Amino acid sequence: MKILKLIAILCALSTRLFAQTPKAIEADFDKAFEKISYWSEHSSEDTNGDGLFTANLQIEAKVKSYTQKCPAALDQAFKNIGLVSDDGLFRILSWDTMTGGTQHAYENIIQYKSAGKTFTIVDTVKNDDDYIYAYNKLHTLKVGSETYYLTTYYGIFHTYDMGAGIRVFAIQNGKLNDKAKLIKTRSGLTHKLYYTYHVGEELQNGLEYHPEQKIITFPVVIGDGKVTDNIITYKFNGQYFEKIKS
C-alpha cells in the first residue's frame, strides 16, 4: 500500500518539478513540512487516518523526483533544507514525522554521489524494534585518498530521556559504507560513539566534533543518566580517533 501511494505521488509530481530554482524547491519543501505540522495538530479532521502518513510520503517523493529532474537545483537547495558535505557528495535530510508522541519518530533521506550518479536511501522504521535518529550536524574529514563523513545525531525517547552520538560514513567502491570504522574503543574499531542521558527542561546535545582540532567531545554520564561537567575526548591520530586523557 505504501509503495503504491509513493508511486502515485511521484507520478503527480514528476510533470511539474523540472526547471525549478533552488528558492522554489525550498518553498516547496516548506509547504510539505507545513502539512506534517497541520495534520499533527488537526488529527481529528483526518477521517481516513492517513493525512500525516501521506504528508511524510510526499517529502520522500519530492526528494526522489527532484533528484531525477533537477539535481543541480536540489544540490543548491539542500544547503538550506538539509545537511550537505563540503564536497557535495553526501547529504542528509532529517525531520520529525510527528507520529511518535513523547517518543519522537524521525525519518531521514540519505543521498550520495558516485561515478556521476546520485543514489537515494530512505532511512525509516522497518519494524517495531527500530528507532530512527535525527542527524543535526555533518562534517567532512579527508584522510589520504579517503573521505569520511562524521554525522552527529540524537533521539528523544521520552520527555526527559535522550540519546546522542556520532556516526561515520564513507563512499567506498561506489557504495555508501554506513559503518566506516574510524573510532578506536576498548572493544576495537567501530563506526560510532553513543550515549543516553536524562535531562531537565533544557533540551541539548552535548556531543560535538571540533574539525580544527579533529577531536570528538561528549560529557560523562553517571547513575540514572545524569550529565556531569566531566568531558570525554577522542582525538584523531592520523589513522583513527582514540580516547585521550582530559
C-alpha atoms as a PDB file:
ATOM      1  CA  MET A   1       0.000   0.000   0.000  1.00  0.00           C
ATOM      2  CA  LYS A   2       2.793   2.409   0.914  1.00  0.00           C
ATOM      3  CA  ILE A   3       4.651   1.641  -2.328  1.00  0.00           C
ATOM      4  CA  LEU A   4       1.525   2.271  -4.424  1.00  0.00           C
ATOM      5  CA  LYS A   5       0.952   5.629  -2.740  1.00  0.00           C
ATOM      6  CA  LEU A   6       4.571   6.642  -3.271  1.00  0.00           C
ATOM      7  CA  ILE A   7       4.348   5.764  -6.974  1.00  0.00           C
ATOM      8  CA  ALA A   8       1.169   7.814  -7.315  1.00  0.00           C
ATOM      9  CA  ILE A   9       2.784  10.807  -5.620  1.00  0.00           C
ATOM     10  CA  LEU A  10       5.879  10.537  -7.811  1.00  0.00           C
ATOM     11  CA  CYS A  11       3.747  10.459 -10.954  1.00  0.00           C
ATOM     12  CA  ALA A  12       1.801  13.521  -9.845  1.00  0.00           C
ATOM     13  CA  LEU A  13       4.963  15.448  -9.023  1.00  0.00           C
ATOM     14  CA  SER A  14       7.147  14.480 -11.969  1.00  0.00           C
ATOM     15  CA  THR A  15       5.426  16.739 -14.517  1.00  0.00           C
ATOM     16  CA  ARG A  16       5.878  19.939 -12.517  1.00  0.00           C
ATOM     17  CA  LEU A  17       9.221  19.644 -10.733  1.00  0.00           C
ATOM     18  CA  PHE A  18      11.703  20.217 -13.538  1.00  0.00           C
ATOM     19  CA  ALA A  19      13.113  23.677 -14.258  1.00  0.00           C
ATOM     20  CA  GLN A  20      12.656  24.673 -10.625  1.00  0.00           C
ATOM     21  CA  THR A  21      15.019  27.130  -8.944  1.00  0.00           C
ATOM     22  CA  PRO A  22      16.674  26.361  -5.574  1.00  0.00           C
ATOM     23  CA  LYS A  23      14.443  29.001  -3.953  1.00  0.00           C
ATOM     24  CA  ALA A  24      11.327  27.388  -5.409  1.00  0.00           C
ATOM     25  CA  ILE A  25      12.458  23.968  -4.210  1.00  0.00           C
ATOM     26  CA  GLU A  26      12.989  25.299  -0.686  1.00  0.00           C
ATOM     27  CA  ALA A  27       9.498  26.805  -0.726  1.00  0.00           C
ATOM     28  CA  ASP A  28       8.069  23.512  -1.959  1.00  0.00           C
ATOM     29  CA  PHE A  29       9.691  21.624   0.912  1.00  0.00           C
ATOM     30  CA  ASP A  30       8.485  24.252   3.386  1.00  0.00           C
ATOM     31  CA  LYS A  31       4.927  23.550   2.277  1.00  0.00           C
ATOM     32  CA  ALA A  32       5.483  19.822   2.648  1.00  0.00           C
ATOM     33  CA  PHE A  33       6.734  20.232   6.220  1.00  0.00           C
ATOM     34  CA  GLU A  34       3.812  22.564   6.973  1.00  0.00           C
ATOM     35  CA  LYS A  35       1.454  19.741   6.005  1.00  0.00           C
ATOM     36  CA  ILE A  36       3.065  17.495   8.605  1.00  0.00           C
ATOM     37  CA  SER A  37       2.588  20.176  11.257  1.00  0.00           C
ATOM     38  CA  TYR A  38      -1.001  20.739  10.139  1.00  0.00           C
ATOM     39  CA  TRP A  39      -2.060  17.099  10.318  1.00  0.00           C
ATOM     40  CA  SER A  40      -0.289  16.580  13.650  1.00  0.00           C
ATOM     41  CA  GLU A  41      -2.368  19.426  15.093  1.00  0.00           C
ATOM     42  CA  HIS A  42      -5.641  18.552  13.298  1.00  0.00           C
ATOM     43  CA  SER A  43      -5.757  14.786  13.668  1.00  0.00           C
ATOM     44  CA  SER A  44      -9.498  14.949  14.390  1.00  0.00           C
ATOM     45  CA  GLU A  45     -10.040  16.155  10.823  1.00  0.00           C
ATOM     46  CA  ASP A  46      -8.110  13.234   9.371  1.00  0.00           C
ATOM     47  CA  THR A  47     -11.117  10.972   8.860  1.00  0.00           C
ATOM     48  CA  ASN A  48      -9.194   8.445   6.760  1.00  0.00           C
ATOM     49  CA  GLY A  49      -6.289   8.350   9.195  1.00  0.00           C
ATOM     50  CA  ASP A  50      -3.619   8.787   6.536  1.00  0.00           C
ATOM     51  CA  GLY A  51      -3.130  12.575   6.279  1.00  0.00           C
ATOM     52  CA  LEU A  52       0.070  12.550   8.325  1.00  0.00           C
ATOM     53  CA  PHE A  53       1.226   9.356   6.634  1.00  0.00           C
ATOM     54  CA  THR A  54       0.753  10.857   3.164  1.00  0.00           C
ATOM     55  CA  ALA A  55       2.396  14.146   4.166  1.00  0.00           C
ATOM     56  CA  ASN A  56       5.556  12.278   5.158  1.00  0.00           C
ATOM     57  CA  LEU A  57       5.499  10.219   1.973  1.00  0.00           C
ATOM     58  CA  GLN A  58       5.334  13.396  -0.083  1.00  0.00           C
ATOM     59  CA  ILE A  59       8.707  14.541   1.253  1.00  0.00           C
ATOM     60  CA  GLU A  60      10.283  11.268   0.166  1.00  0.00           C
ATOM     61  CA  ALA A  61       8.638  11.597  -3.235  1.00  0.00           C
ATOM     62  CA  LYS A  62       9.789  15.182  -3.705  1.00  0.00           C
ATOM     63  CA  VAL A  63      13.430  14.349  -2.998  1.00  0.00           C
ATOM     64  CA  LYS A  64      13.374  11.448  -5.430  1.00  0.00           C
ATOM     65  CA  SER A  65      11.645  13.475  -8.151  1.00  0.00           C
ATOM     66  CA  TYR A  66      13.928  16.490  -7.782  1.00  0.00           C
ATOM     67  CA  THR A  67      16.935  14.173  -7.894  1.00  0.00           C
ATOM     68  CA  GLN A  68      15.772  12.875 -11.268  1.00  0.00           C
ATOM     69  CA  LYS A  69      14.516  16.134 -12.795  1.00  0.00           C
ATOM     70  CA  CYS A  70      16.793  18.895 -11.490  1.00  0.00           C
ATOM     71  CA  PRO A  71      19.722  17.545  -9.414  1.00  0.00           C
ATOM     72  CA  ALA A  72      21.768  20.758  -9.749  1.00  0.00           C
ATOM     73  CA  ALA A  73      18.984  22.861  -8.244  1.00  0.00           C
ATOM     74  CA  LEU A  74      18.458  20.299  -5.488  1.00  0.00           C
ATOM     75  CA  ASP A  75      22.167  20.474  -4.643  1.00  0.00           C
ATOM     76  CA  GLN A  76      21.824  24.206  -4.017  1.00  0.00           C
ATOM     77  CA  ALA A  77      18.511  23.997  -2.174  1.00  0.00           C
ATOM     78  CA  PHE A  78      19.749  21.208   0.081  1.00  0.00           C
ATOM     79  CA  LYS A  79      22.248  23.590   1.670  1.00  0.00           C
ATOM     80  CA  ASN A  80      19.329  25.279   3.403  1.00  0.00           C
ATOM     81  CA  ILE A  81      16.919  22.402   3.959  1.00  0.00           C
ATOM     82  CA  GLY A  82      19.313  19.647   4.967  1.00  0.00           C
ATOM     83  CA  LEU A  83      22.906  18.717   5.693  1.00  0.00           C
ATOM     84  CA  VAL A  84      25.418  18.635   2.848  1.00  0.00           C
ATOM     85  CA  SER A  85      29.093  17.645   2.899  1.00  0.00           C
ATOM     86  CA  ASP A  86      31.848  20.060   1.871  1.00  0.00           C
ATOM     87  CA  ASP A  87      32.471  18.103  -1.327  1.00  0.00           C
ATOM     88  CA  GLY A  88      28.749  17.901  -2.176  1.00  0.00           C
ATOM     89  CA  LEU A  89      28.839  14.102  -2.477  1.00  0.00           C
ATOM     90  CA  PHE A  90      26.904  13.243   0.679  1.00  0.00           C
ATOM     91  CA  ARG A  91      23.798  14.773   2.227  1.00  0.00           C
ATOM     92  CA  ILE A  92      21.061  14.028   4.734  1.00  0.00           C
ATOM     93  CA  LEU A  93      17.583  15.421   5.230  1.00  0.00           C
ATOM     94  CA  SER A  94      16.106  14.655   8.681  1.00  0.00           C
ATOM     95  CA  TRP A  95      12.674  15.531  10.006  1.00  0.00           C
ATOM     96  CA  ASP A  96      10.241  14.687  12.785  1.00  0.00           C
ATOM     97  CA  THR A  97       7.330  12.714  11.333  1.00  0.00           C
ATOM     98  CA  MET A  98       5.109  13.821  14.250  1.00  0.00           C
ATOM     99  CA  THR A  99       3.874  10.257  14.620  1.00  0.00           C
ATOM    100  CA  GLY A 100       5.650   9.274  17.816  1.00  0.00           C
ATOM    101  CA  GLY A 101       4.090  11.210  20.700  1.00  0.00           C
ATOM    102  CA  THR A 102       6.529  11.790  23.572  1.00  0.00           C
ATOM    103  CA  GLN A 103       8.922   9.419  21.799  1.00  0.00           C
ATOM    104  CA  HIS A 104       9.786  11.388  18.690  1.00  0.00           C
ATOM    105  CA  ALA A 105       9.755   9.462  15.421  1.00  0.00           C
ATOM    106  CA  TYR A 106      12.230  10.694  12.817  1.00  0.00           C
ATOM    107  CA  GLU A 107      12.876   9.871   9.213  1.00  0.00           C
ATOM    108  CA  ASN A 108      15.943  10.546   7.074  1.00  0.00           C
ATOM    109  CA  ILE A 109      16.691  10.686   3.391  1.00  0.00           C
ATOM    110  CA  ILE A 110      20.356   9.954   2.747  1.00  0.00           C
ATOM    111  CA  GLN A 111      21.873  10.671  -0.660  1.00  0.00           C
ATOM    112  CA  TYR A 112      25.335  10.112  -2.048  1.00  0.00           C
ATOM    113  CA  LYS A 113      27.028  10.523  -5.405  1.00  0.00           C
ATOM    114  CA  SER A 114      29.318   8.072  -7.096  1.00  0.00           C
ATOM    115  CA  ALA A 115      30.513   7.861 -10.714  1.00  0.00           C
ATOM    116  CA  GLY A 116      28.286  10.782 -11.659  1.00  0.00           C
ATOM    117  CA  LYS A 117      25.121   9.144 -10.326  1.00  0.00           C
ATOM    118  CA  THR A 118      23.029  10.093  -7.286  1.00  0.00           C
ATOM    119  CA  PHE A 119      21.690   7.348  -5.021  1.00  0.00           C
ATOM    120  CA  THR A 120      18.887   7.800  -2.501  1.00  0.00           C
ATOM    121  CA  ILE A 121      18.310   5.827   0.695  1.00  0.00           C
ATOM    122  CA  VAL A 122      15.143   6.291   2.781  1.00  0.00           C
ATOM    123  CA  ASP A 123      16.052   5.676   6.423  1.00  0.00           C
ATOM    124  CA  THR A 124      12.723   4.795   8.017  1.00  0.00           C
ATOM    125  CA  VAL A 125      11.273   2.397  10.601  1.00  0.00           C
ATOM    126  CA  LYS A 126      11.031  -1.127   9.213  1.00  0.00           C
ATOM    127  CA  ASN A 127       9.724  -2.938  12.313  1.00  0.00           C
ATOM    128  CA  ASP A 128       8.621  -2.224  15.883  1.00  0.00           C
ATOM    129  CA  ASP A 129      12.162  -2.684  17.234  1.00  0.00           C
ATOM    130  CA  ASP A 130      13.605   0.064  15.024  1.00  0.00           C
ATOM    131  CA  TYR A 131      14.358   3.561  16.219  1.00  0.00           C
ATOM    132  CA  ILE A 132      15.451   6.165  13.700  1.00  0.00           C
ATOM    133  CA  TYR A 133      17.630   9.017  14.955  1.00  0.00           C
ATOM    134  CA  ALA A 134      17.773  12.548  13.539  1.00  0.00           C
ATOM    135  CA  TYR A 135      21.036  13.941  12.183  1.00  0.00           C
ATOM    136  CA  ASN A 136      21.852  17.527  13.104  1.00  0.00           C
ATOM    137  CA  LYS A 137      25.467  18.198  12.009  1.00  0.00           C
ATOM    138  CA  LEU A 138      27.720  16.944   9.235  1.00  0.00           C
ATOM    139  CA  HIS A 139      31.494  17.282   8.919  1.00  0.00           C
ATOM    140  CA  THR A 140      33.911  16.114   6.223  1.00  0.00           C
ATOM    141  CA  LEU A 141      37.274  14.571   7.110  1.00  0.00           C
ATOM    142  CA  LYS A 142      39.928  13.799   4.482  1.00  0.00           C
ATOM    143  CA  VAL A 143      42.407  11.034   5.284  1.00  0.00           C
ATOM    144  CA  GLY A 144      44.769  10.451   2.385  1.00  0.00           C
ATOM    145  CA  SER A 145      42.660   9.376  -0.576  1.00  0.00           C
ATOM    146  CA  GLU A 146      39.658   8.565   1.644  1.00  0.00           C
ATOM    147  CA  THR A 147      36.867  10.956   2.620  1.00  0.00           C
ATOM    148  CA  TYR A 148      34.845  10.340   5.774  1.00  0.00           C
ATOM    149  CA  TYR A 149      31.585  11.999   6.777  1.00  0.00           C
ATOM    150  CA  LEU A 150      31.110  12.494  10.506  1.00  0.00           C
ATOM    151  CA  THR A 151      27.474  12.986  11.463  1.00  0.00           C
ATOM    152  CA  THR A 152      26.157  13.824  14.906  1.00  0.00           C
ATOM    153  CA  TYR A 153      22.697  12.527  15.726  1.00  0.00           C
ATOM    154  CA  TYR A 154      20.153  12.437  18.532  1.00  0.00           C
ATOM    155  CA  GLY A 155      16.939  10.767  19.650  1.00  0.00           C
ATOM    156  CA  ILE A 156      14.162  11.753  22.049  1.00  0.00           C
ATOM    157  CA  PHE A 157      12.695   8.665  23.714  1.00  0.00           C
ATOM    158  CA  HIS A 158      10.582  10.439  26.313  1.00  0.00           C
ATOM    159  CA  THR A 159      10.120  13.960  27.612  1.00  0.00           C
ATOM    160  CA  TYR A 160      13.384  13.736  29.559  1.00  0.00           C
ATOM    161  CA  ASP A 161      15.193  10.719  28.099  1.00  0.00           C
ATOM    162  CA  MET A 162      17.505  11.294  25.152  1.00  0.00           C
ATOM    163  CA  GLY A 163      20.326   9.719  23.220  1.00  0.00           C
ATOM    164  CA  ALA A 164      23.182  11.326  21.293  1.00  0.00           C
ATOM    165  CA  GLY A 165      26.030  10.093  19.173  1.00  0.00           C
ATOM    166  CA  ILE A 166      28.356  10.474  16.228  1.00  0.00           C
ATOM    167  CA  ARG A 167      28.480   8.123  13.247  1.00  0.00           C
ATOM    168  CA  VAL A 168      30.982   7.764  10.411  1.00  0.00           C
ATOM    169  CA  PHE A 169      30.022   7.232   6.760  1.00  0.00           C
ATOM    170  CA  ALA A 170      32.195   6.837   3.660  1.00  0.00           C
ATOM    171  CA  ILE A 171      31.633   6.316  -0.052  1.00  0.00           C
ATOM    172  CA  GLN A 172      33.787   3.351  -0.996  1.00  0.00           C
ATOM    173  CA  ASN A 173      33.839   1.239  -4.157  1.00  0.00           C
ATOM    174  CA  GLY A 174      30.842   3.118  -5.494  1.00  0.00           C
ATOM    175  CA  LYS A 175      28.646   2.360  -2.477  1.00  0.00           C
ATOM    176  CA  LEU A 176      27.815   4.047   0.814  1.00  0.00           C
ATOM    177  CA  ASN A 177      29.558   2.462   3.785  1.00  0.00           C
ATOM    178  CA  ASP A 178      27.417   3.364   6.809  1.00  0.00           C
ATOM    179  CA  LYS A 179      29.773   1.531   9.171  1.00  0.00           C
ATOM    180  CA  ALA A 180      33.114   3.130   8.345  1.00  0.00           C
ATOM    181  CA  LYS A 181      35.304   2.106  11.293  1.00  0.00           C
ATOM    182  CA  LEU A 182      37.301   5.172  12.234  1.00  0.00           C
ATOM    183  CA  ILE A 183      36.977   5.183  16.046  1.00  0.00           C
ATOM    184  CA  LYS A 184      39.066   3.025  18.372  1.00  0.00           C
ATOM    185  CA  THR A 185      37.480   1.972  21.672  1.00  0.00           C
ATOM    186  CA  ARG A 186      38.405  -0.681  24.224  1.00  0.00           C
ATOM    187  CA  SER A 187      36.288  -3.128  22.213  1.00  0.00           C
ATOM    188  CA  GLY A 188      38.134  -2.383  18.980  1.00  0.00           C
ATOM    189  CA  LEU A 189      37.448  -0.244  15.918  1.00  0.00           C
ATOM    190  CA  THR A 190      33.889   0.985  15.478  1.00  0.00           C
ATOM    191  CA  HIS A 191      31.878   3.400  13.322  1.00  0.00           C
ATOM    192  CA  LYS A 192      30.120   5.295  16.106  1.00  0.00           C
ATOM    193  CA  LEU A 193      30.070   6.612  19.659  1.00  0.00           C
ATOM    194  CA  TYR A 194      26.775   6.836  21.522  1.00  0.00           C
ATOM    195  CA  TYR A 195      25.314   7.531  24.960  1.00  0.00           C
ATOM    196  CA  THR A 196      21.925   8.076  26.591  1.00  0.00           C
ATOM    197  CA  TYR A 197      21.109  10.647  29.235  1.00  0.00           C
ATOM    198  CA  HIS A 198      18.378  12.233  31.303  1.00  0.00           C
ATOM    199  CA  VAL A 199      17.693  15.945  31.035  1.00  0.00           C
ATOM    200  CA  GLY A 200      15.583  18.550  32.750  1.00  0.00           C
ATOM    201  CA  GLU A 201      13.589  21.066  30.778  1.00  0.00           C
ATOM    202  CA  GLU A 202      16.586  22.160  28.701  1.00  0.00           C
ATOM    203  CA  LEU A 203      16.968  20.124  25.522  1.00  0.00           C
ATOM    204  CA  GLN A 204      20.598  19.771  24.473  1.00  0.00           C
ATOM    205  CA  ASN A 205      23.060  17.612  22.639  1.00  0.00           C
ATOM    206  CA  GLY A 206      26.386  17.670  24.464  1.00  0.00           C
ATOM    207  CA  LEU A 207      28.347  15.753  21.844  1.00  0.00           C
ATOM    208  CA  GLU A 208      30.463  17.873  19.484  1.00  0.00           C
ATOM    209  CA  TYR A 209      33.016  17.360  16.746  1.00  0.00           C
ATOM    210  CA  HIS A 210      35.684  20.065  16.530  1.00  0.00           C
ATOM    211  CA  PRO A 211      37.076  19.985  12.970  1.00  0.00           C
ATOM    212  CA  GLU A 212      40.050  22.273  13.588  1.00  0.00           C
ATOM    213  CA  GLN A 213      41.476  20.061  16.341  1.00  0.00           C
ATOM    214  CA  LYS A 214      39.931  16.877  14.906  1.00  0.00           C
ATOM    215  CA  ILE A 215      38.509  15.879  18.264  1.00  0.00           C
ATOM    216  CA  ILE A 216      35.192  14.490  19.473  1.00  0.00           C
ATOM    217  CA  THR A 217      33.965  15.556  22.904  1.00  0.00           C
ATOM    218  CA  PHE A 218      30.969  14.487  24.964  1.00  0.00           C
ATOM    219  CA  PRO A 219      30.043  14.560  28.664  1.00  0.00           C
ATOM    220  CA  VAL A 220      30.468  11.788  31.207  1.00  0.00           C
ATOM    221  CA  VAL A 221      27.058  10.356  32.157  1.00  0.00           C
ATOM    222  CA  ILE A 222      26.579   8.649  35.519  1.00  0.00           C
ATOM    223  CA  GLY A 223      23.875   6.971  37.559  1.00  0.00           C
ATOM    224  CA  ASP A 224      20.424   7.157  36.028  1.00  0.00           C
ATOM    225  CA  GLY A 225      21.555   9.338  33.131  1.00  0.00           C
ATOM    226  CA  LYS A 226      22.855  12.392  34.966  1.00  0.00           C
ATOM    227  CA  VAL A 227      25.099  14.542  32.785  1.00  0.00           C
ATOM    228  CA  THR A 228      28.257  15.725  34.567  1.00  0.00           C
ATOM    229  CA  ASP A 229      30.717  18.520  33.822  1.00  0.00           C
ATOM    230  CA  ASN A 230      33.457  15.999  33.040  1.00  0.00           C
ATOM    231  CA  ILE A 231      34.345  15.533  29.382  1.00  0.00           C
ATOM    232  CA  ILE A 232      35.486  12.519  27.351  1.00  0.00           C
ATOM    233  CA  THR A 233      37.727  13.352  24.394  1.00  0.00           C
ATOM    234  CA  TYR A 234      38.620  11.336  21.303  1.00  0.00           C
ATOM    235  CA  LYS A 235      41.368  12.727  19.074  1.00  0.00           C
ATOM    236  CA  PHE A 236      42.260  11.761  15.514  1.00  0.00           C
ATOM    237  CA  ASN A 237      45.829  10.454  15.324  1.00  0.00           C
ATOM    238  CA  GLY A 238      46.111  10.227  11.541  1.00  0.00           C
ATOM    239  CA  GLN A 239      44.538   6.770  11.335  1.00  0.00           C
ATOM    240  CA  TYR A 240      41.576   6.778  13.706  1.00  0.00           C
ATOM    241  CA  PHE A 241      40.047   8.564  16.689  1.00  0.00           C
ATOM    242  CA  GLU A 242      41.196   7.329  20.078  1.00  0.00           C
ATOM    243  CA  LYS A 243      40.416   8.354  23.622  1.00  0.00           C
ATOM    244  CA  ILE A 244      42.912  10.703  25.278  1.00  0.00           C
ATOM    245  CA  LYS A 245      43.332  11.794  28.873  1.00  0.00           C
ATOM    246  CA  SER A 246      41.478  15.011  29.607  1.00  0.00           C
END
